[in-house]
PDB file of N, CA and C in Angstrom:
ATOM      1  N   MET A   1       9.396 -12.050 -13.902  1.00  0.00           N
ATOM      2  CA  MET A   1       8.532 -12.224 -12.891  1.00  0.00           C
ATOM      3  C   MET A   1       7.704 -13.818 -13.126  1.00  0.00           C
ATOM      4  N   LYS A   2       7.183 -14.270 -12.062  1.00  0.00           N
ATOM      5  CA  LYS A   2       6.704 -15.472 -12.175  1.00  0.00           C
ATOM      6  C   LYS A   2       5.402 -15.350 -12.858  1.00  0.00           C
ATOM      7  N   LYS A   3       4.959 -16.079 -13.772  1.00  0.00           N
ATOM      8  CA  LYS A   3       3.694 -16.120 -14.337  1.00  0.00           C
ATOM      9  C   LYS A   3       2.340 -16.556 -13.644  1.00  0.00           C
ATOM     10  N   ASN A   4       2.649 -17.483 -12.625  1.00  0.00           N
ATOM     11  CA  ASN A   4       1.693 -18.016 -11.921  1.00  0.00           C
ATOM     12  C   ASN A   4       1.328 -17.080 -10.577  1.00  0.00           C
ATOM     13  N   LEU A   5       1.970 -15.970 -10.457  1.00  0.00           N
ATOM     14  CA  LEU A   5       1.951 -15.022  -9.382  1.00  0.00           C
ATOM     15  C   LEU A   5       0.466 -14.423  -9.105  1.00  0.00           C
ATOM     16  N   THR A   6      -0.127 -14.670  -8.059  1.00  0.00           N
ATOM     17  CA  THR A   6      -1.340 -14.105  -7.841  1.00  0.00           C
ATOM     18  C   THR A   6      -1.231 -12.754  -7.185  1.00  0.00           C
ATOM     19  N   PHE A   7      -2.304 -12.087  -7.068  1.00  0.00           N
ATOM     20  CA  PHE A   7      -2.595 -10.775  -6.599  1.00  0.00           C
ATOM     21  C   PHE A   7      -2.091 -10.852  -5.032  1.00  0.00           C
ATOM     22  N   GLU A   8      -2.803 -11.968  -4.467  1.00  0.00           N
ATOM     23  CA  GLU A   8      -2.589 -12.119  -3.055  1.00  0.00           C
ATOM     24  C   GLU A   8      -1.142 -12.387  -2.727  1.00  0.00           C
ATOM     25  N   ASN A   9      -0.439 -13.195  -3.275  1.00  0.00           N
ATOM     26  CA  ASN A   9       0.938 -13.727  -3.333  1.00  0.00           C
ATOM     27  C   ASN A   9       1.964 -12.491  -3.444  1.00  0.00           C
ATOM     28  N   ALA A  10       1.647 -11.606  -4.403  1.00  0.00           N
ATOM     29  CA  ALA A  10       2.469 -10.374  -4.660  1.00  0.00           C
ATOM     30  C   ALA A  10       2.187  -9.308  -3.605  1.00  0.00           C
ATOM     31  N   SER A  11       0.992  -9.260  -3.068  1.00  0.00           N
ATOM     32  CA  SER A  11       0.666  -8.232  -2.142  1.00  0.00           C
ATOM     33  C   SER A  11       1.343  -8.958  -0.713  1.00  0.00           C
ATOM     34  N   LYS A  12       1.440 -10.171  -0.605  1.00  0.00           N
ATOM     35  CA  LYS A  12       2.060 -10.799   0.776  1.00  0.00           C
ATOM     36  C   LYS A  12       3.621 -10.604   0.592  1.00  0.00           C
ATOM     37  N   ARG A  13       4.181 -10.623  -0.513  1.00  0.00           N
ATOM     38  CA  ARG A  13       5.652 -10.229  -0.881  1.00  0.00           C
ATOM     39  C   ARG A  13       6.013  -8.788  -0.627  1.00  0.00           C
ATOM     40  N   LEU A  14       5.137  -7.947  -0.993  1.00  0.00           N
ATOM     41  CA  LEU A  14       5.215  -6.647  -0.728  1.00  0.00           C
ATOM     42  C   LEU A  14       5.211  -6.494   0.774  1.00  0.00           C
ATOM     43  N   ASP A  15       4.566  -7.029   1.542  1.00  0.00           N
ATOM     44  CA  ASP A  15       4.580  -6.820   3.063  1.00  0.00           C
ATOM     45  C   ASP A  15       5.695  -7.412   3.608  1.00  0.00           C
ATOM     46  N   GLU A  16       6.310  -8.501   3.095  1.00  0.00           N
ATOM     47  CA  GLU A  16       7.578  -9.130   3.544  1.00  0.00           C
ATOM     48  C   GLU A  16       8.674  -8.055   3.090  1.00  0.00           C
ATOM     49  N   ILE A  17       8.741  -7.520   1.965  1.00  0.00           N
ATOM     50  CA  ILE A  17       9.661  -6.402   1.487  1.00  0.00           C
ATOM     51  C   ILE A  17       9.788  -5.394   2.523  1.00  0.00           C
ATOM     52  N   LEU A  18       8.500  -4.723   2.723  1.00  0.00           N
ATOM     53  CA  LEU A  18       8.305  -3.595   3.759  1.00  0.00           C
ATOM     54  C   LEU A  18       8.919  -4.011   5.136  1.00  0.00           C
ATOM     55  N   GLN A  19       8.549  -5.093   5.534  1.00  0.00           N
ATOM     56  CA  GLN A  19       9.457  -5.568   6.803  1.00  0.00           C
ATOM     57  C   GLN A  19      10.801  -5.651   6.776  1.00  0.00           C
ATOM     58  N   GLN A  20      11.451  -6.033   5.655  1.00  0.00           N
ATOM     59  CA  GLN A  20      12.852  -6.141   5.460  1.00  0.00           C
ATOM     60  C   GLN A  20      13.370  -4.651   5.389  1.00  0.00           C
ATOM     61  N   LEU A  21      12.868  -3.750   4.472  1.00  0.00           N
ATOM     62  CA  LEU A  21      13.056  -2.304   4.328  1.00  0.00           C
ATOM     63  C   LEU A  21      13.266  -1.772   5.662  1.00  0.00           C
ATOM     64  N   SER A  22      12.067  -1.974   6.510  1.00  0.00           N
ATOM     65  CA  SER A  22      12.041  -1.330   7.887  1.00  0.00           C
ATOM     66  C   SER A  22      13.074  -1.649   8.786  1.00  0.00           C
ATOM     67  N   ASP A  23      13.754  -2.856   8.574  1.00  0.00           N
ATOM     68  CA  ASP A  23      14.706  -3.418   9.515  1.00  0.00           C
ATOM     69  C   ASP A  23      15.934  -2.698   9.175  1.00  0.00           C
ATOM     70  N   GLU A  24      16.567  -1.857  10.391  1.00  0.00           N
ATOM     71  CA  GLU A  24      17.790  -0.995  10.204  1.00  0.00           C
ATOM     72  C   GLU A  24      19.160  -2.029   9.869  1.00  0.00           C
ATOM     73  N   GLU A  25      19.006  -3.167  10.251  1.00  0.00           N
ATOM     74  CA  GLU A  25      19.874  -4.198   9.812  1.00  0.00           C
ATOM     75  C   GLU A  25      20.220  -4.342   8.499  1.00  0.00           C
ATOM     76  N   THR A  26      19.204  -3.915   7.486  1.00  0.00           N
ATOM     77  CA  THR A  26      19.293  -4.323   6.171  1.00  0.00           C
ATOM     78  C   THR A  26      20.146  -3.511   5.393  1.00  0.00           C
ATOM     79  N   PRO A  27      21.231  -4.301   4.869  1.00  0.00           N
ATOM     80  CA  PRO A  27      22.429  -3.304   4.181  1.00  0.00           C
ATOM     81  C   PRO A  27      21.702  -2.538   2.907  1.00  0.00           C
ATOM     82  N   LEU A  28      22.493  -1.462   2.533  1.00  0.00           N
ATOM     83  CA  LEU A  28      21.881  -0.630   1.636  1.00  0.00           C
ATOM     84  C   LEU A  28      21.854  -1.347   0.353  1.00  0.00           C
ATOM     85  N   GLU A  29      22.702  -2.222   0.082  1.00  0.00           N
ATOM     86  CA  GLU A  29      22.644  -3.025  -1.214  1.00  0.00           C
ATOM     87  C   GLU A  29      21.215  -3.819  -1.595  1.00  0.00           C
ATOM     88  N   THR A  30      21.115  -4.611  -0.375  1.00  0.00           N
ATOM     89  CA  THR A  30      20.092  -5.446  -0.273  1.00  0.00           C
ATOM     90  C   THR A  30      18.732  -4.598  -0.427  1.00  0.00           C
ATOM     91  N   SER A  31      18.609  -3.371   0.156  1.00  0.00           N
ATOM     92  CA  SER A  31      17.506  -2.436   0.430  1.00  0.00           C
ATOM     93  C   SER A  31      17.260  -2.139  -1.157  1.00  0.00           C
ATOM     94  N   LEU A  32      18.218  -1.637  -1.947  1.00  0.00           N
ATOM     95  CA  LEU A  32      18.318  -1.222  -3.357  1.00  0.00           C
ATOM     96  C   LEU A  32      17.561  -2.336  -4.203  1.00  0.00           C
ATOM     97  N   LYS A  33      18.035  -3.629  -3.897  1.00  0.00           N
ATOM     98  CA  LYS A  33      17.313  -4.704  -4.563  1.00  0.00           C
ATOM     99  C   LYS A  33      15.890  -5.039  -4.212  1.00  0.00           C
ATOM    100  N   LEU A  34      15.686  -4.883  -2.941  1.00  0.00           N
ATOM    101  CA  LEU A  34      14.300  -4.930  -2.295  1.00  0.00           C
ATOM    102  C   LEU A  34      13.345  -4.064  -2.819  1.00  0.00           C
ATOM    103  N   TYR A  35      13.843  -2.828  -3.083  1.00  0.00           N
ATOM    104  CA  TYR A  35      13.009  -1.615  -3.641  1.00  0.00           C
ATOM    105  C   TYR A  35      12.851  -1.867  -5.037  1.00  0.00           C
ATOM    106  N   ALA A  36      13.665  -2.397  -5.903  1.00  0.00           N
ATOM    107  CA  ALA A  36      13.452  -2.574  -7.224  1.00  0.00           C
ATOM    108  C   ALA A  36      12.232  -3.808  -7.301  1.00  0.00           C
ATOM    109  N   GLU A  37      12.450  -4.854  -6.382  1.00  0.00           N
ATOM    110  CA  GLU A  37      11.486  -5.859  -6.450  1.00  0.00           C
ATOM    111  C   GLU A  37      10.109  -5.347  -5.998  1.00  0.00           C
ATOM    112  N   ALA A  38      10.027  -4.478  -5.141  1.00  0.00           N
ATOM    113  CA  ALA A  38       8.995  -3.911  -4.677  1.00  0.00           C
ATOM    114  C   ALA A  38       8.030  -3.134  -5.810  1.00  0.00           C
ATOM    115  N   ALA A  39       8.914  -2.450  -6.462  1.00  0.00           N
ATOM    116  CA  ALA A  39       8.277  -1.425  -7.530  1.00  0.00           C
ATOM    117  C   ALA A  39       7.909  -2.472  -8.742  1.00  0.00           C
ATOM    118  N   GLU A  40       8.358  -3.651  -8.953  1.00  0.00           N
ATOM    119  CA  GLU A  40       7.694  -4.720  -9.748  1.00  0.00           C
ATOM    120  C   GLU A  40       6.423  -5.041  -9.392  1.00  0.00           C
ATOM    121  N   MET A  41       6.682  -5.502  -8.116  1.00  0.00           N
ATOM    122  CA  MET A  41       5.057  -5.985  -7.452  1.00  0.00           C
ATOM    123  C   MET A  41       4.065  -5.098  -7.491  1.00  0.00           C
ATOM    124  N   ILE A  42       4.507  -3.731  -7.193  1.00  0.00           N
ATOM    125  CA  ILE A  42       3.301  -2.675  -7.319  1.00  0.00           C
ATOM    126  C   ILE A  42       2.839  -2.701  -8.745  1.00  0.00           C
ATOM    127  N   SER A  43       3.789  -2.532  -9.567  1.00  0.00           N
ATOM    128  CA  SER A  43       3.178  -2.499 -10.961  1.00  0.00           C
ATOM    129  C   SER A  43       2.527  -3.573 -11.378  1.00  0.00           C
ATOM    130  N   TYR A  44       2.874  -4.867 -10.858  1.00  0.00           N
ATOM    131  CA  TYR A  44       2.245  -6.039 -11.130  1.00  0.00           C
ATOM    132  C   TYR A  44       0.709  -6.028 -10.598  1.00  0.00           C
ATOM    133  N   CYS A  45       0.664  -5.481  -9.323  1.00  0.00           N
ATOM    134  CA  CYS A  45      -0.680  -5.457  -8.496  1.00  0.00           C
ATOM    135  C   CYS A  45      -1.585  -4.277  -9.201  1.00  0.00           C
ATOM    136  N   SER A  46      -0.832  -3.138  -9.582  1.00  0.00           N
ATOM    137  CA  SER A  46      -1.605  -2.362 -10.225  1.00  0.00           C
ATOM    138  C   SER A  46      -2.256  -2.677 -11.567  1.00  0.00           C
ATOM    139  N   GLY A  47      -1.548  -3.462 -12.316  1.00  0.00           N
ATOM    140  CA  GLY A  47      -2.115  -3.890 -13.389  1.00  0.00           C
ATOM    141  C   GLY A  47      -3.471  -4.727 -13.244  1.00  0.00           C
ATOM    142  N   ILE A  48      -3.225  -5.701 -12.258  1.00  0.00           N
ATOM    143  CA  ILE A  48      -4.207  -6.591 -11.955  1.00  0.00           C
ATOM    144  C   ILE A  48      -5.405  -5.762 -11.556  1.00  0.00           C
ATOM    145  N   LEU A  49      -5.295  -4.824 -10.830  1.00  0.00           N
ATOM    146  CA  LEU A  49      -6.438  -4.078 -10.195  1.00  0.00           C
ATOM    147  C   LEU A  49      -7.144  -3.242 -11.280  1.00  0.00           C
ATOM    148  N   LYS A  50      -6.310  -2.621 -12.171  1.00  0.00           N
ATOM    149  CA  LYS A  50      -6.985  -2.104 -13.406  1.00  0.00           C
ATOM    150  C   LYS A  50      -7.698  -2.945 -14.202  1.00  0.00           C
ATOM    151  N   ASN A  51      -7.216  -4.176 -14.455  1.00  0.00           N
ATOM    152  CA  ASN A  51      -8.059  -5.232 -15.110  1.00  0.00           C
ATOM    153  C   ASN A  51      -9.370  -5.560 -14.349  1.00  0.00           C
ATOM    154  N   ALA A  52      -9.405  -5.734 -13.169  1.00  0.00           N
ATOM    155  CA  ALA A  52     -10.397  -5.896 -12.373  1.00  0.00           C
ATOM    156  C   ALA A  52     -11.484  -4.860 -12.484  1.00  0.00           C
ATOM    157  N   GLN A  53     -10.922  -3.621 -12.354  1.00  0.00           N
ATOM    158  CA  GLN A  53     -11.893  -2.449 -12.453  1.00  0.00           C
ATOM    159  C   GLN A  53     -12.653  -2.483 -13.851  1.00  0.00           C
ATOM    160  N   MET A  54     -11.925  -2.725 -15.031  1.00  0.00           N
ATOM    161  CA  MET A  54     -12.392  -2.615 -16.260  1.00  0.00           C
ATOM    162  C   MET A  54     -13.515  -3.796 -16.408  1.00  0.00           C
ATOM    163  N   LYS A  55     -13.194  -4.957 -15.690  1.00  0.00           N
ATOM    164  CA  LYS A  55     -14.339  -6.167 -15.744  1.00  0.00           C
ATOM    165  C   LYS A  55     -15.533  -5.611 -14.825  1.00  0.00           C
ATOM    166  N   VAL A  56     -15.393  -4.986 -13.677  1.00  0.00           N
ATOM    167  CA  VAL A  56     -16.395  -4.483 -12.845  1.00  0.00           C
ATOM    168  C   VAL A  56     -17.123  -3.479 -13.713  1.00  0.00           C
ATOM    169  N   ASP A  57     -16.410  -2.726 -14.348  1.00  0.00           N
ATOM    170  CA  ASP A  57     -17.189  -1.497 -15.159  1.00  0.00           C
ATOM    171  C   ASP A  57     -18.083  -2.418 -16.376  1.00  0.00           C
ATOM    172  N   GLU A  58     -17.514  -3.420 -17.080  1.00  0.00           N
ATOM    173  CA  GLU A  58     -18.404  -4.065 -18.020  1.00  0.00           C
ATOM    174  C   GLU A  58     -19.519  -4.627 -17.624  1.00  0.00           C
ATOM    175  N   ILE A  59     -19.412  -5.423 -16.411  1.00  0.00           N
ATOM    176  CA  ILE A  59     -20.428  -6.205 -15.723  1.00  0.00           C
ATOM    177  C   ILE A  59     -21.507  -5.005 -15.482  1.00  0.00           C
ATOM    178  N   ASP A  60     -21.227  -3.815 -15.064  1.00  0.00           N
ATOM    179  CA  ASP A  60     -22.149  -2.688 -14.355  1.00  0.00           C
ATOM    180  C   ASP A  60     -22.778  -2.309 -15.607  1.00  0.00           C
ATOM    181  N   ALA A  61     -22.068  -2.199 -16.837  1.00  0.00           N
ATOM    182  CA  ALA A  61     -22.489  -1.666 -17.840  1.00  0.00           C
ATOM    183  C   ALA A  61     -23.642  -2.817 -18.764  1.00  0.00           C
ATOM    184  N   SER A  62     -23.234  -3.789 -18.577  1.00  0.00           N
ATOM    185  CA  SER A  62     -24.160  -5.055 -19.104  1.00  0.00           C
ATOM    186  C   SER A  62     -25.552  -5.017 -18.220  1.00  0.00           C
ATOM    187  N   LEU A  63     -25.020  -4.972 -16.904  1.00  0.00           N
ATOM    188  CA  LEU A  63     -26.315  -4.995 -16.124  1.00  0.00           C
ATOM    189  C   LEU A  63     -27.301  -3.946 -16.330  1.00  0.00           C
ATOM    190  N   SER A  64     -26.862  -2.584 -16.362  1.00  0.00           N
ATOM    191  CA  SER A  64     -27.510  -1.359 -16.753  1.00  0.00           C
ATOM    192  C   SER A  64     -28.511  -1.394 -17.901  1.00  0.00           C
ATOM    193  N   GLY A  65     -27.515  -2.034 -18.890  1.00  0.00           N
ATOM    194  CA  GLY A  65     -28.281  -2.321 -20.157  1.00  0.00           C
ATOM    195  C   GLY A  65     -29.370  -3.246 -20.085  1.00  0.00           C
ATOM    196  N   ALA A  66     -29.079  -4.311 -19.300  1.00  0.00           N
ATOM    197  CA  ALA A  66     -30.250  -5.264 -19.197  1.00  0.00           C
ATOM    198  C   ALA A  66     -31.405  -5.019 -18.408  1.00  0.00           C
ATOM    199  N   LEU A  67     -31.214  -4.028 -17.477  1.00  0.00           N
ATOM    200  CA  LEU A  67     -32.416  -3.313 -16.669  1.00  0.00           C
ATOM    201  C   LEU A  67     -32.858  -2.376 -17.454  1.00  0.00           C
ATOM    202  N   GLY A  68     -32.333  -1.826 -18.397  1.00  0.00           N
ATOM    203  CA  GLY A  68     -32.931  -0.594 -19.174  1.00  0.00           C
ATOM    204  C   GLY A  68     -32.611   0.652 -18.710  1.00  0.00           C
ATOM    205  N   GLY A  69     -31.869   0.760 -17.598  1.00  0.00           N
ATOM    206  CA  GLY A  69     -31.502   2.056 -17.045  1.00  0.00           C
ATOM    207  C   GLY A  69     -30.136   2.698 -17.482  1.00  0.00           C
ATOM    208  N   ASP A  70     -29.783   3.663 -16.963  1.00  0.00           N
ATOM    209  CA  ASP A  70     -28.303   4.058 -16.961  1.00  0.00           C
ATOM    210  C   ASP A  70     -27.365   3.603 -15.964  1.00  0.00           C
ATOM    211  N   GLU A  71     -26.257   3.840 -16.215  1.00  0.00           N
ATOM    212  CA  GLU A  71     -25.272   3.107 -15.233  1.00  0.00           C
ATOM    213  C   GLU A  71     -25.305   3.739 -13.927  1.00  0.00           C
ATOM    214  N   ASN A  72     -25.988   5.038 -13.640  1.00  0.00           N
ATOM    215  CA  ASN A  72     -26.171   5.620 -12.295  1.00  0.00           C
ATOM    216  C   ASN A  72     -27.214   5.231 -11.593  1.00  0.00           C
ATOM    217  N   ASP A  73     -28.087   4.405 -12.342  1.00  0.00           N
ATOM    218  CA  ASP A  73     -29.314   3.866 -11.699  1.00  0.00           C
ATOM    219  C   ASP A  73     -28.933   2.486 -10.650  1.00  0.00           C
ATOM    220  N   VAL A  74     -27.674   1.899 -11.160  1.00  0.00           N
ATOM    221  CA  VAL A  74     -27.285   0.614 -10.436  1.00  0.00           C
ATOM    222  C   VAL A  74     -26.623   0.938  -9.227  1.00  0.00           C
TER     223      VAL A  74
END
């Protein structure tokens, strides 16, 4: 997978793959390759989202600590 692939580009590629898979004219062999690529894109995007969630959680925790409250108060 490309190292400079962004979440937005991966998401766009997933949309393109979905369109191709929805096309009844797409041959089975091509569909299988597209499915494998989609699985990679989903895994990639999931990793990015998990990373983003961890960063948000860290920001919330540090903000909560700076404000002197617990994280439910934010």
